[in-house]
């Protein structure tokens, strides 16, 4: 049984929908603001470097792109040195009355994570660079736990590559008490690397984490989506990781594109009817959407799950 139902008119956003010149539209964070859905998407400029555009929708499927990019690499100040190669893959968390944007900042020094804030999706303030290199896929929980902000991320190490870590902060600027909580599993659909996708969703049973996993093949890597469930009071404790993927590349715009065989999420929006709208980049080229039942994703973790750090690669 398919756990994710694809929207019938996918893809929901392509480069042809953007009123300025870009080569791609993909890997978007999505949130609700007042009576709109906000999509903050990544695009390649024709020089190959990435910027972030903004699109708005009343129904969460039909989006209209703002006339100008929302964020481009900084040209002055401390951020300029670390964003010179582009800004990528935003995630959005609403907490304490403001919207937080985490994004990958690329430069000659590697990739690290920037944190920006916006109150209204018109203005944006860069707040801090919150990691060193080499970090990607930072998602911030939408509630504090024991008075602290909580995040998941995916640093890279040659000894034990591409695992999920958790960290805590009193102020969003300084982070610590970090530890690894989830690893790839040998000869599994996510054996090559894993990383947080959308910011976690609070459920009665725990925090639902929609993540991406990568499997190497002789024809290149395949990116799929899976789910894990974290304890509400101690999110470093994972209650279960769904043993099966929930979404894989199938449609033509997911199988073929800038990077073949990719579904990659940075955003998911829970709805009042118990469903979640999941948004994903297809083949690093277009944006797609689908829906799933939150209780079914939780059930996968609890009844058909595996250990988070058992039988791993390192």
C-alpha atoms as a PDB file:
ATOM      1  CA  UNK A   1       0.000   0.000   0.000  1.00  0.00           C
ATOM      2  CA  UNK A   2       1.341   3.426  -0.963  1.00  0.00           C
ATOM      3  CA  UNK A   3       1.710   5.641   2.099  1.00  0.00           C
ATOM      4  CA  UNK A   4       2.160   8.837   0.065  1.00  0.00           C
ATOM      5  CA  UNK A   5      -0.416   9.860  -2.537  1.00  0.00           C
ATOM      6  CA  UNK A   6       1.103  12.025  -5.236  1.00  0.00           C
ATOM      7  CA  UNK A   7      -0.764  15.182  -6.242  1.00  0.00           C
ATOM      8  CA  UNK A   8      -2.465  14.562  -9.568  1.00  0.00           C
ATOM      9  CA  UNK A   9      -1.002  17.655 -11.252  1.00  0.00           C
ATOM     10  CA  UNK A  10       2.650  17.211 -10.288  1.00  0.00           C
ATOM     11  CA  UNK A  11       5.052  18.857 -10.730  1.00  0.00           C
ATOM     12  CA  UNK A  12       3.593  21.846  -8.902  1.00  0.00           C
ATOM     13  CA  UNK A  13       6.439  24.264  -9.711  1.00  0.00           C
ATOM     14  CA  UNK A  14       9.038  24.389 -12.485  1.00  0.00           C
ATOM     15  CA  UNK A  15      11.551  26.915 -13.763  1.00  0.00           C
ATOM     16  CA  UNK A  16       8.948  28.078 -16.297  1.00  0.00           C
ATOM     17  CA  UNK A  17       6.867  29.406 -13.378  1.00  0.00           C
ATOM     18  CA  UNK A  18       9.684  31.685 -12.188  1.00  0.00           C
ATOM     19  CA  UNK A  19       9.629  35.298 -13.489  1.00  0.00           C
ATOM     20  CA  UNK A  20      13.437  35.555 -13.475  1.00  0.00           C
ATOM     21  CA  UNK A  21      15.980  33.345 -15.186  1.00  0.00           C
ATOM     22  CA  UNK A  22      16.805  30.074 -13.391  1.00  0.00           C
ATOM     23  CA  UNK A  23      17.697  26.559 -14.498  1.00  0.00           C
ATOM     24  CA  UNK A  24      15.895  24.568 -11.761  1.00  0.00           C
ATOM     25  CA  UNK A  25      13.298  24.736  -8.991  1.00  0.00           C
ATOM     26  CA  UNK A  26      13.734  22.220  -6.148  1.00  0.00           C
ATOM     27  CA  UNK A  27      14.362  21.360  -2.477  1.00  0.00           C
ATOM     28  CA  UNK A  28      11.904  23.795  -0.894  1.00  0.00           C
ATOM     29  CA  UNK A  29      10.963  24.483   2.685  1.00  0.00           C
ATOM     30  CA  UNK A  30       7.215  25.029   3.111  1.00  0.00           C
ATOM     31  CA  UNK A  31       5.142  26.550   5.926  1.00  0.00           C
ATOM     32  CA  UNK A  32       1.846  28.287   6.578  1.00  0.00           C
ATOM     33  CA  UNK A  33       1.681  32.039   7.120  1.00  0.00           C
ATOM     34  CA  UNK A  34      -1.748  33.562   7.862  1.00  0.00           C
ATOM     35  CA  UNK A  35      -3.989  32.270   5.037  1.00  0.00           C
ATOM     36  CA  UNK A  36      -1.175  31.276   2.679  1.00  0.00           C
ATOM     37  CA  UNK A  37       1.258  28.462   2.108  1.00  0.00           C
ATOM     38  CA  UNK A  38       4.793  29.793   1.729  1.00  0.00           C
ATOM     39  CA  UNK A  39       7.313  27.867  -0.361  1.00  0.00           C
ATOM     40  CA  UNK A  40      10.978  28.849  -0.133  1.00  0.00           C
ATOM     41  CA  UNK A  41      12.645  27.029  -3.002  1.00  0.00           C
ATOM     42  CA  UNK A  42      16.168  26.571  -4.269  1.00  0.00           C
ATOM     43  CA  UNK A  43      17.102  27.407  -7.853  1.00  0.00           C
ATOM     44  CA  UNK A  44      20.303  27.213  -9.835  1.00  0.00           C
ATOM     45  CA  UNK A  45      21.219  30.351 -11.662  1.00  0.00           C
ATOM     46  CA  UNK A  46      22.689  29.851 -15.094  1.00  0.00           C
ATOM     47  CA  UNK A  47      26.179  30.109 -13.565  1.00  0.00           C
ATOM     48  CA  UNK A  48      25.370  26.989 -11.509  1.00  0.00           C
ATOM     49  CA  UNK A  49      25.154  28.701  -8.122  1.00  0.00           C
ATOM     50  CA  UNK A  50      22.016  28.578  -5.997  1.00  0.00           C
ATOM     51  CA  UNK A  51      19.593  31.216  -4.737  1.00  0.00           C
ATOM     52  CA  UNK A  52      16.309  31.000  -2.810  1.00  0.00           C
ATOM     53  CA  UNK A  53      13.020  32.086  -4.353  1.00  0.00           C
ATOM     54  CA  UNK A  54       9.621  32.476  -2.711  1.00  0.00           C
ATOM     55  CA  UNK A  55       6.224  31.278  -3.914  1.00  0.00           C
ATOM     56  CA  UNK A  56       2.774  31.668  -2.356  1.00  0.00           C
ATOM     57  CA  UNK A  57      -0.392  29.583  -2.531  1.00  0.00           C
ATOM     58  CA  UNK A  58      -3.914  29.573  -1.126  1.00  0.00           C
ATOM     59  CA  UNK A  59      -4.452  25.826  -1.473  1.00  0.00           C
ATOM     60  CA  UNK A  60      -0.924  24.450  -1.026  1.00  0.00           C
ATOM     61  CA  UNK A  61      -0.670  23.154  -4.582  1.00  0.00           C
ATOM     62  CA  UNK A  62      -0.975  26.061  -7.021  1.00  0.00           C
ATOM     63  CA  UNK A  63       1.860  28.493  -6.311  1.00  0.00           C
ATOM     64  CA  UNK A  64       2.743  31.933  -7.672  1.00  0.00           C
ATOM     65  CA  UNK A  65       6.389  33.020  -7.499  1.00  0.00           C
ATOM     66  CA  UNK A  66       7.349  36.476  -6.187  1.00  0.00           C
ATOM     67  CA  UNK A  67       8.950  38.736  -8.826  1.00  0.00           C
ATOM     68  CA  UNK A  68      12.384  38.734  -7.153  1.00  0.00           C
ATOM     69  CA  UNK A  69      14.450  36.131  -5.252  1.00  0.00           C
ATOM     70  CA  UNK A  70      13.991  36.062  -1.493  1.00  0.00           C
ATOM     71  CA  UNK A  71      17.650  35.331  -0.620  1.00  0.00           C
ATOM     72  CA  UNK A  72      20.798  35.519  -2.705  1.00  0.00           C
ATOM     73  CA  UNK A  73      24.382  35.103  -1.484  1.00  0.00           C
ATOM     74  CA  UNK A  74      25.380  37.968   0.805  1.00  0.00           C
ATOM     75  CA  UNK A  75      27.817  40.474  -0.693  1.00  0.00           C
ATOM     76  CA  UNK A  76      28.913  42.207   2.509  1.00  0.00           C
ATOM     77  CA  UNK A  77      29.566  41.303   6.130  1.00  0.00           C
ATOM     78  CA  UNK A  78      30.599  38.006   7.686  1.00  0.00           C
ATOM     79  CA  UNK A  79      28.057  35.997   5.671  1.00  0.00           C
ATOM     80  CA  UNK A  80      29.534  37.045   2.321  1.00  0.00           C
ATOM     81  CA  UNK A  81      32.667  34.940   2.732  1.00  0.00           C
ATOM     82  CA  UNK A  82      30.659  31.812   3.535  1.00  0.00           C
ATOM     83  CA  UNK A  83      27.885  32.206   0.937  1.00  0.00           C
ATOM     84  CA  UNK A  84      29.975  33.057  -2.125  1.00  0.00           C
ATOM     85  CA  UNK A  85      29.130  29.758  -3.888  1.00  0.00           C
ATOM     86  CA  UNK A  86      25.404  29.844  -3.118  1.00  0.00           C
ATOM     87  CA  UNK A  87      22.606  29.330  -0.601  1.00  0.00           C
ATOM     88  CA  UNK A  88      20.689  26.055  -0.746  1.00  0.00           C
ATOM     89  CA  UNK A  89      18.093  23.647   0.662  1.00  0.00           C
ATOM     90  CA  UNK A  90      16.145  25.793   3.174  1.00  0.00           C
ATOM     91  CA  UNK A  91      14.085  24.424   6.054  1.00  0.00           C
ATOM     92  CA  UNK A  92      11.462  26.501   7.872  1.00  0.00           C
ATOM     93  CA  UNK A  93      10.412  26.298  11.528  1.00  0.00           C
ATOM     94  CA  UNK A  94       7.848  28.532  13.233  1.00  0.00           C
ATOM     95  CA  UNK A  95       8.702  28.891  16.927  1.00  0.00           C
ATOM     96  CA  UNK A  96       8.377  31.624  19.557  1.00  0.00           C
ATOM     97  CA  UNK A  97       6.406  33.818  17.162  1.00  0.00           C
ATOM     98  CA  UNK A  98       8.962  33.926  14.345  1.00  0.00           C
ATOM     99  CA  UNK A  99       9.944  31.926  11.296  1.00  0.00           C
ATOM    100  CA  UNK A 100      13.429  30.414  11.340  1.00  0.00           C
ATOM    101  CA  UNK A 101      15.159  29.485   8.093  1.00  0.00           C
ATOM    102  CA  UNK A 102      18.119  27.134   8.124  1.00  0.00           C
ATOM    103  CA  UNK A 103      20.021  26.900   4.844  1.00  0.00           C
ATOM    104  CA  UNK A 104      23.242  25.499   3.437  1.00  0.00           C
ATOM    105  CA  UNK A 105      25.887  28.164   2.793  1.00  0.00           C
ATOM    106  CA  UNK A 106      28.518  27.106   0.262  1.00  0.00           C
ATOM    107  CA  UNK A 107      31.965  28.678  -0.139  1.00  0.00           C
ATOM    108  CA  UNK A 108      35.607  27.857  -0.745  1.00  0.00           C
ATOM    109  CA  UNK A 109      35.678  26.734   2.907  1.00  0.00           C
ATOM    110  CA  UNK A 110      33.037  24.034   2.404  1.00  0.00           C
ATOM    111  CA  UNK A 111      29.376  23.965   3.402  1.00  0.00           C
ATOM    112  CA  UNK A 112      28.018  25.186   6.722  1.00  0.00           C
ATOM    113  CA  UNK A 113      24.583  26.159   7.982  1.00  0.00           C
ATOM    114  CA  UNK A 114      23.209  29.674   8.171  1.00  0.00           C
ATOM    115  CA  UNK A 115      20.209  30.698  10.260  1.00  0.00           C
ATOM    116  CA  UNK A 116      17.933  33.532   9.148  1.00  0.00           C
ATOM    117  CA  UNK A 117      14.687  34.921  10.547  1.00  0.00           C
ATOM    118  CA  UNK A 118      11.628  36.562   9.039  1.00  0.00           C
ATOM    119  CA  UNK A 119       8.465  37.895  10.701  1.00  0.00           C
ATOM    120  CA  UNK A 120       6.446  38.438   7.535  1.00  0.00           C
ATOM    121  CA  UNK A 121       8.038  36.776   4.451  1.00  0.00           C
ATOM    122  CA  UNK A 122       8.904  40.220   3.109  1.00  0.00           C
ATOM    123  CA  UNK A 123      12.026  41.089   5.096  1.00  0.00           C
ATOM    124  CA  UNK A 124      14.716  38.644   6.185  1.00  0.00           C
ATOM    125  CA  UNK A 125      17.537  38.942   8.742  1.00  0.00           C
ATOM    126  CA  UNK A 126      20.588  36.696   8.757  1.00  0.00           C
ATOM    127  CA  UNK A 127      21.097  35.756  12.400  1.00  0.00           C
ATOM    128  CA  UNK A 128      24.101  33.450  12.688  1.00  0.00           C
ATOM    129  CA  UNK A 129      26.260  30.788  11.082  1.00  0.00           C
ATOM    130  CA  UNK A 130      25.436  27.919  13.416  1.00  0.00           C
ATOM    131  CA  UNK A 131      27.820  25.153  12.294  1.00  0.00           C
ATOM    132  CA  UNK A 132      31.305  24.665  11.004  1.00  0.00           C
ATOM    133  CA  UNK A 133      31.995  22.755   7.779  1.00  0.00           C
ATOM    134  CA  UNK A 134      30.947  20.126   6.736  1.00  0.00           C
ATOM    135  CA  UNK A 135      27.279  20.174   7.797  1.00  0.00           C
ATOM    136  CA  UNK A 136      24.020  19.929   5.889  1.00  0.00           C
ATOM    137  CA  UNK A 137      20.320  19.212   6.471  1.00  0.00           C
ATOM    138  CA  UNK A 138      19.734  21.134   9.698  1.00  0.00           C
ATOM    139  CA  UNK A 139      16.135  21.052  10.930  1.00  0.00           C
ATOM    140  CA  UNK A 140      14.954  22.808  14.103  1.00  0.00           C
ATOM    141  CA  UNK A 141      12.105  21.377  16.198  1.00  0.00           C
ATOM    142  CA  UNK A 142       8.996  23.622  16.414  1.00  0.00           C
ATOM    143  CA  UNK A 143       9.023  23.517  20.236  1.00  0.00           C
ATOM    144  CA  UNK A 144      11.697  23.815  22.895  1.00  0.00           C
ATOM    145  CA  UNK A 145      12.416  20.719  24.948  1.00  0.00           C
ATOM    146  CA  UNK A 146      13.350  21.295  28.597  1.00  0.00           C
ATOM    147  CA  UNK A 147      13.761  24.980  27.776  1.00  0.00           C
ATOM    148  CA  UNK A 148      16.237  24.379  24.929  1.00  0.00           C
ATOM    149  CA  UNK A 149      16.001  24.647  21.174  1.00  0.00           C
ATOM    150  CA  UNK A 150      16.630  21.293  19.500  1.00  0.00           C
ATOM    151  CA  UNK A 151      17.990  20.503  16.062  1.00  0.00           C
ATOM    152  CA  UNK A 152      18.882  17.517  13.911  1.00  0.00           C
ATOM    153  CA  UNK A 153      21.739  17.702  11.418  1.00  0.00           C
ATOM    154  CA  UNK A 154      24.019  15.599   9.241  1.00  0.00           C
ATOM    155  CA  UNK A 155      27.758  16.271   9.560  1.00  0.00           C
ATOM    156  CA  UNK A 156      30.199  14.343   7.395  1.00  0.00           C
ATOM    157  CA  UNK A 157      33.118  12.278   8.615  1.00  0.00           C
ATOM    158  CA  UNK A 158      35.412  10.014   6.628  1.00  0.00           C
ATOM    159  CA  UNK A 159      35.380   7.576   9.552  1.00  0.00           C
ATOM    160  CA  UNK A 160      31.588   7.316   9.901  1.00  0.00           C
ATOM    161  CA  UNK A 161      29.896   9.273   7.128  1.00  0.00           C
ATOM    162  CA  UNK A 162      26.446  10.754   6.820  1.00  0.00           C
ATOM    163  CA  UNK A 163      24.645   9.967  10.070  1.00  0.00           C
ATOM    164  CA  UNK A 164      22.012  12.022  11.937  1.00  0.00           C
ATOM    165  CA  UNK A 165      23.040  13.938  15.062  1.00  0.00           C
ATOM    166  CA  UNK A 166      21.093  15.959  17.637  1.00  0.00           C
ATOM    167  CA  UNK A 167      22.183  19.218  19.338  1.00  0.00           C
ATOM    168  CA  UNK A 168      20.701  21.730  21.793  1.00  0.00           C
ATOM    169  CA  UNK A 169      20.882  25.498  22.245  1.00  0.00           C
ATOM    170  CA  UNK A 170      19.668  28.103  24.754  1.00  0.00           C
ATOM    171  CA  UNK A 171      19.677  30.940  22.194  1.00  0.00           C
ATOM    172  CA  UNK A 172      19.835  29.525  18.621  1.00  0.00           C
ATOM    173  CA  UNK A 173      23.399  30.787  18.309  1.00  0.00           C
ATOM    174  CA  UNK A 174      25.466  28.431  20.484  1.00  0.00           C
ATOM    175  CA  UNK A 175      24.844  24.693  20.149  1.00  0.00           C
ATOM    176  CA  UNK A 176      26.155  21.724  22.108  1.00  0.00           C
ATOM    177  CA  UNK A 177      25.503  18.417  23.917  1.00  0.00           C
ATOM    178  CA  UNK A 178      25.666  16.831  20.463  1.00  0.00           C
ATOM    179  CA  UNK A 179      25.457  13.109  19.857  1.00  0.00           C
ATOM    180  CA  UNK A 180      24.785  10.706  17.006  1.00  0.00           C
ATOM    181  CA  UNK A 181      21.326   9.133  17.151  1.00  0.00           C
ATOM    182  CA  UNK A 182      20.719   7.465  13.775  1.00  0.00           C
ATOM    183  CA  UNK A 183      22.961   5.732  11.231  1.00  0.00           C
ATOM    184  CA  UNK A 184      22.624   4.154   7.795  1.00  0.00           C
ATOM    185  CA  UNK A 185      21.967   0.419   7.754  1.00  0.00           C
ATOM    186  CA  UNK A 186      24.106  -1.939   5.705  1.00  0.00           C
ATOM    187  CA  UNK A 187      22.550  -3.223   2.484  1.00  0.00           C
ATOM    188  CA  UNK A 188      19.326  -1.330   3.062  1.00  0.00           C
ATOM    189  CA  UNK A 189      17.519   1.286   0.995  1.00  0.00           C
ATOM    190  CA  UNK A 190      19.311   4.032   2.964  1.00  0.00           C
ATOM    191  CA  UNK A 191      22.701   2.349   3.395  1.00  0.00           C
ATOM    192  CA  UNK A 192      24.881   5.034   1.785  1.00  0.00           C
ATOM    193  CA  UNK A 193      23.774   8.106   3.745  1.00  0.00           C
ATOM    194  CA  UNK A 194      20.831   9.587   5.600  1.00  0.00           C
ATOM    195  CA  UNK A 195      19.832  13.111   6.565  1.00  0.00           C
ATOM    196  CA  UNK A 196      16.949  15.014   8.156  1.00  0.00           C
ATOM    197  CA  UNK A 197      14.339  16.207   5.666  1.00  0.00           C
ATOM    198  CA  UNK A 198      11.432  18.281   6.939  1.00  0.00           C
ATOM    199  CA  UNK A 199      11.386  19.751  10.467  1.00  0.00           C
ATOM    200  CA  UNK A 200       9.876  17.175  12.853  1.00  0.00           C
ATOM    201  CA  UNK A 201       6.104  17.034  13.322  1.00  0.00           C
ATOM    202  CA  UNK A 202       4.622  16.647  16.814  1.00  0.00           C
ATOM    203  CA  UNK A 203       2.214  13.720  17.268  1.00  0.00           C
ATOM    204  CA  UNK A 204       0.721  12.082  20.350  1.00  0.00           C
ATOM    205  CA  UNK A 205       3.183   9.197  19.989  1.00  0.00           C
ATOM    206  CA  UNK A 206       6.328  11.246  19.330  1.00  0.00           C
ATOM    207  CA  UNK A 207       8.138  13.540  16.942  1.00  0.00           C
ATOM    208  CA  UNK A 208       7.750  12.326  13.351  1.00  0.00           C
ATOM    209  CA  UNK A 209      10.927  12.848  11.336  1.00  0.00           C
ATOM    210  CA  UNK A 210      10.657  12.539   7.544  1.00  0.00           C
ATOM    211  CA  UNK A 211      14.203  11.903   6.351  1.00  0.00           C
ATOM    212  CA  UNK A 212      16.023  11.041   3.138  1.00  0.00           C
ATOM    213  CA  UNK A 213      18.102   7.953   2.536  1.00  0.00           C
ATOM    214  CA  UNK A 214      20.450   7.113  -0.313  1.00  0.00           C
ATOM    215  CA  UNK A 215      21.280   3.763  -1.892  1.00  0.00           C
ATOM    216  CA  UNK A 216      24.232   3.343  -4.289  1.00  0.00           C
ATOM    217  CA  UNK A 217      23.675   1.433  -7.535  1.00  0.00           C
ATOM    218  CA  UNK A 218      25.787   0.721 -10.600  1.00  0.00           C
ATOM    219  CA  UNK A 219      23.766   3.440 -12.355  1.00  0.00           C
ATOM    220  CA  UNK A 220      24.234   6.100  -9.660  1.00  0.00           C
ATOM    221  CA  UNK A 221      22.589   6.811  -6.322  1.00  0.00           C
ATOM    222  CA  UNK A 222      18.847   6.664  -5.575  1.00  0.00           C
ATOM    223  CA  UNK A 223      17.328   9.139  -3.090  1.00  0.00           C
ATOM    224  CA  UNK A 224      14.186   8.010  -1.241  1.00  0.00           C
ATOM    225  CA  UNK A 225      12.162   9.193   1.776  1.00  0.00           C
ATOM    226  CA  UNK A 226      11.590   7.374   5.051  1.00  0.00           C
ATOM    227  CA  UNK A 227      10.314   8.107   8.558  1.00  0.00           C
ATOM    228  CA  UNK A 228      11.560   7.857  12.127  1.00  0.00           C
ATOM    229  CA  UNK A 229       9.808   8.557  15.423  1.00  0.00           C
ATOM    230  CA  UNK A 230      11.524  10.399  18.309  1.00  0.00           C
ATOM    231  CA  UNK A 231      10.447  10.473  21.960  1.00  0.00           C
ATOM    232  CA  UNK A 232       8.480  13.627  22.813  1.00  0.00           C
ATOM    233  CA  UNK A 233      10.402  14.401  25.990  1.00  0.00           C
ATOM    234  CA  UNK A 234      13.821  13.142  24.911  1.00  0.00           C
ATOM    235  CA  UNK A 235      14.104  13.468  21.112  1.00  0.00           C
ATOM    236  CA  UNK A 236      17.573  11.925  21.203  1.00  0.00           C
ATOM    237  CA  UNK A 237      15.723   8.645  21.865  1.00  0.00           C
ATOM    238  CA  UNK A 238      14.321   7.156  18.649  1.00  0.00           C
ATOM    239  CA  UNK A 239      11.313   4.886  19.179  1.00  0.00           C
ATOM    240  CA  UNK A 240      11.529   3.329  15.741  1.00  0.00           C
ATOM    241  CA  UNK A 241      12.721   3.828  12.172  1.00  0.00           C
ATOM    242  CA  UNK A 242      10.377   2.671   9.431  1.00  0.00           C
ATOM    243  CA  UNK A 243      11.987  -0.330   7.776  1.00  0.00           C
ATOM    244  CA  UNK A 244      10.522   0.515   4.358  1.00  0.00           C
ATOM    245  CA  UNK A 245      10.768   3.725   2.389  1.00  0.00           C
ATOM    246  CA  UNK A 246       7.605   5.813   2.007  1.00  0.00           C
ATOM    247  CA  UNK A 247       8.448   7.425  -1.347  1.00  0.00           C
ATOM    248  CA  UNK A 248      10.861   6.668  -4.182  1.00  0.00           C
ATOM    249  CA  UNK A 249      11.505   8.170  -7.633  1.00  0.00           C
ATOM    250  CA  UNK A 250       8.845   6.913 -10.057  1.00  0.00           C
ATOM    251  CA  UNK A 251       7.423   9.747 -12.142  1.00  0.00           C
ATOM    252  CA  UNK A 252       9.450  10.897 -15.176  1.00  0.00           C
ATOM    253  CA  UNK A 253      10.396  14.216 -13.523  1.00  0.00           C
ATOM    254  CA  UNK A 254      11.770  12.313 -10.518  1.00  0.00           C
ATOM    255  CA  UNK A 255      13.677   9.721 -12.509  1.00  0.00           C
ATOM    256  CA  UNK A 256      15.279  12.081 -15.029  1.00  0.00           C
ATOM    257  CA  UNK A 257      16.557  15.602 -14.494  1.00  0.00           C
ATOM    258  CA  UNK A 258      19.502  17.601 -13.211  1.00  0.00           C
ATOM    259  CA  UNK A 259      20.279  14.717 -10.826  1.00  0.00           C
ATOM    260  CA  UNK A 260      18.546  11.463 -11.778  1.00  0.00           C
ATOM    261  CA  UNK A 261      16.492   9.302  -9.387  1.00  0.00           C
ATOM    262  CA  UNK A 262      15.865  11.801  -6.593  1.00  0.00           C
ATOM    263  CA  UNK A 263      12.978  12.616  -4.285  1.00  0.00           C
ATOM    264  CA  UNK A 264      14.272  15.012  -1.616  1.00  0.00           C
ATOM    265  CA  UNK A 265      12.178  16.811   0.975  1.00  0.00           C
ATOM    266  CA  UNK A 266      12.865  19.974   2.964  1.00  0.00           C
ATOM    267  CA  UNK A 267       9.274  20.683   3.967  1.00  0.00           C
ATOM    268  CA  UNK A 268       6.051  19.083   5.195  1.00  0.00           C
ATOM    269  CA  UNK A 269       2.913  20.763   6.527  1.00  0.00           C
ATOM    270  CA  UNK A 270       0.596  18.922   8.977  1.00  0.00           C
ATOM    271  CA  UNK A 271      -3.100  19.606   8.435  1.00  0.00           C
ATOM    272  CA  UNK A 272      -6.039  19.623  10.861  1.00  0.00           C
ATOM    273  CA  UNK A 273      -7.572  16.523   9.262  1.00  0.00           C
ATOM    274  CA  UNK A 274      -4.692  14.260  10.313  1.00  0.00           C
ATOM    275  CA  UNK A 275      -2.862  14.361   7.009  1.00  0.00           C
ATOM    276  CA  UNK A 276       0.489  15.862   6.149  1.00  0.00           C
ATOM    277  CA  UNK A 277       1.396  17.527   2.883  1.00  0.00           C
ATOM    278  CA  UNK A 278       4.880  16.496   1.866  1.00  0.00           C
ATOM    279  CA  UNK A 279       6.822  18.582  -0.640  1.00  0.00           C
ATOM    280  CA  UNK A 280       9.835  17.218  -2.496  1.00  0.00           C
ATOM    281  CA  UNK A 281      12.266  18.118  -5.217  1.00  0.00           C
ATOM    282  CA  UNK A 282      12.139  15.785  -8.209  1.00  0.00           C
ATOM    283  CA  UNK A 283      15.519  15.003  -9.798  1.00  0.00           C
ATOM    284  CA  UNK A 284      16.838  18.364  -8.502  1.00  0.00           C
ATOM    285  CA  UNK A 285      14.754  19.994 -11.242  1.00  0.00           C
ATOM    286  CA  UNK A 286      11.087  20.513 -10.207  1.00  0.00           C
ATOM    287  CA  UNK A 287       8.896  20.668  -7.084  1.00  0.00           C
ATOM    288  CA  UNK A 288       6.281  18.024  -6.338  1.00  0.00           C
ATOM    289  CA  UNK A 289       3.738  17.411  -3.586  1.00  0.00           C
ATOM    290  CA  UNK A 290       1.740  14.608  -2.036  1.00  0.00           C
ATOM    291  CA  UNK A 291      -0.276  13.711   1.038  1.00  0.00           C
ATOM    292  CA  UNK A 292      -0.062  11.010   3.690  1.00  0.00           C
ATOM    293  CA  UNK A 293      -1.854  10.017   6.878  1.00  0.00           C
ATOM    294  CA  UNK A 294       0.236  10.981   9.883  1.00  0.00           C
ATOM    295  CA  UNK A 295      -1.025   8.013  11.903  1.00  0.00           C
ATOM    296  CA  UNK A 296       0.033   5.599   9.143  1.00  0.00           C
ATOM    297  CA  UNK A 297       3.558   7.035   9.077  1.00  0.00           C
ATOM    298  CA  UNK A 298       3.762   6.733  12.868  1.00  0.00           C
ATOM    299  CA  UNK A 299       2.464   3.153  12.690  1.00  0.00           C
ATOM    300  CA  UNK A 300       5.194   2.241  10.202  1.00  0.00           C
ATOM    301  CA  UNK A 301       7.822   3.346  12.725  1.00  0.00           C
ATOM    302  CA  UNK A 302       6.241   1.489  15.625  1.00  0.00           C
ATOM    303  CA  UNK A 303       5.080  -1.765  14.005  1.00  0.00           C
ATOM    304  CA  UNK A 304       7.491  -2.217  11.114  1.00  0.00           C
ATOM    305  CA  UNK A 305      10.539  -0.495  12.506  1.00  0.00           C
ATOM    306  CA  UNK A 306      14.198  -1.132  13.078  1.00  0.00           C
ATOM    307  CA  UNK A 307      16.850   0.123  15.456  1.00  0.00           C
ATOM    308  CA  UNK A 308      18.253   3.581  14.846  1.00  0.00           C
ATOM    309  CA  UNK A 309      21.917   2.701  15.387  1.00  0.00           C
ATOM    310  CA  UNK A 310      21.927  -1.085  15.151  1.00  0.00           C
ATOM    311  CA  UNK A 311      23.583  -3.099  12.314  1.00  0.00           C
ATOM    312  CA  UNK A 312      25.071   0.036  10.814  1.00  0.00           C
ATOM    313  CA  UNK A 313      27.957   0.681   8.502  1.00  0.00           C
ATOM    314  CA  UNK A 314      30.429   2.185  10.970  1.00  0.00           C
END
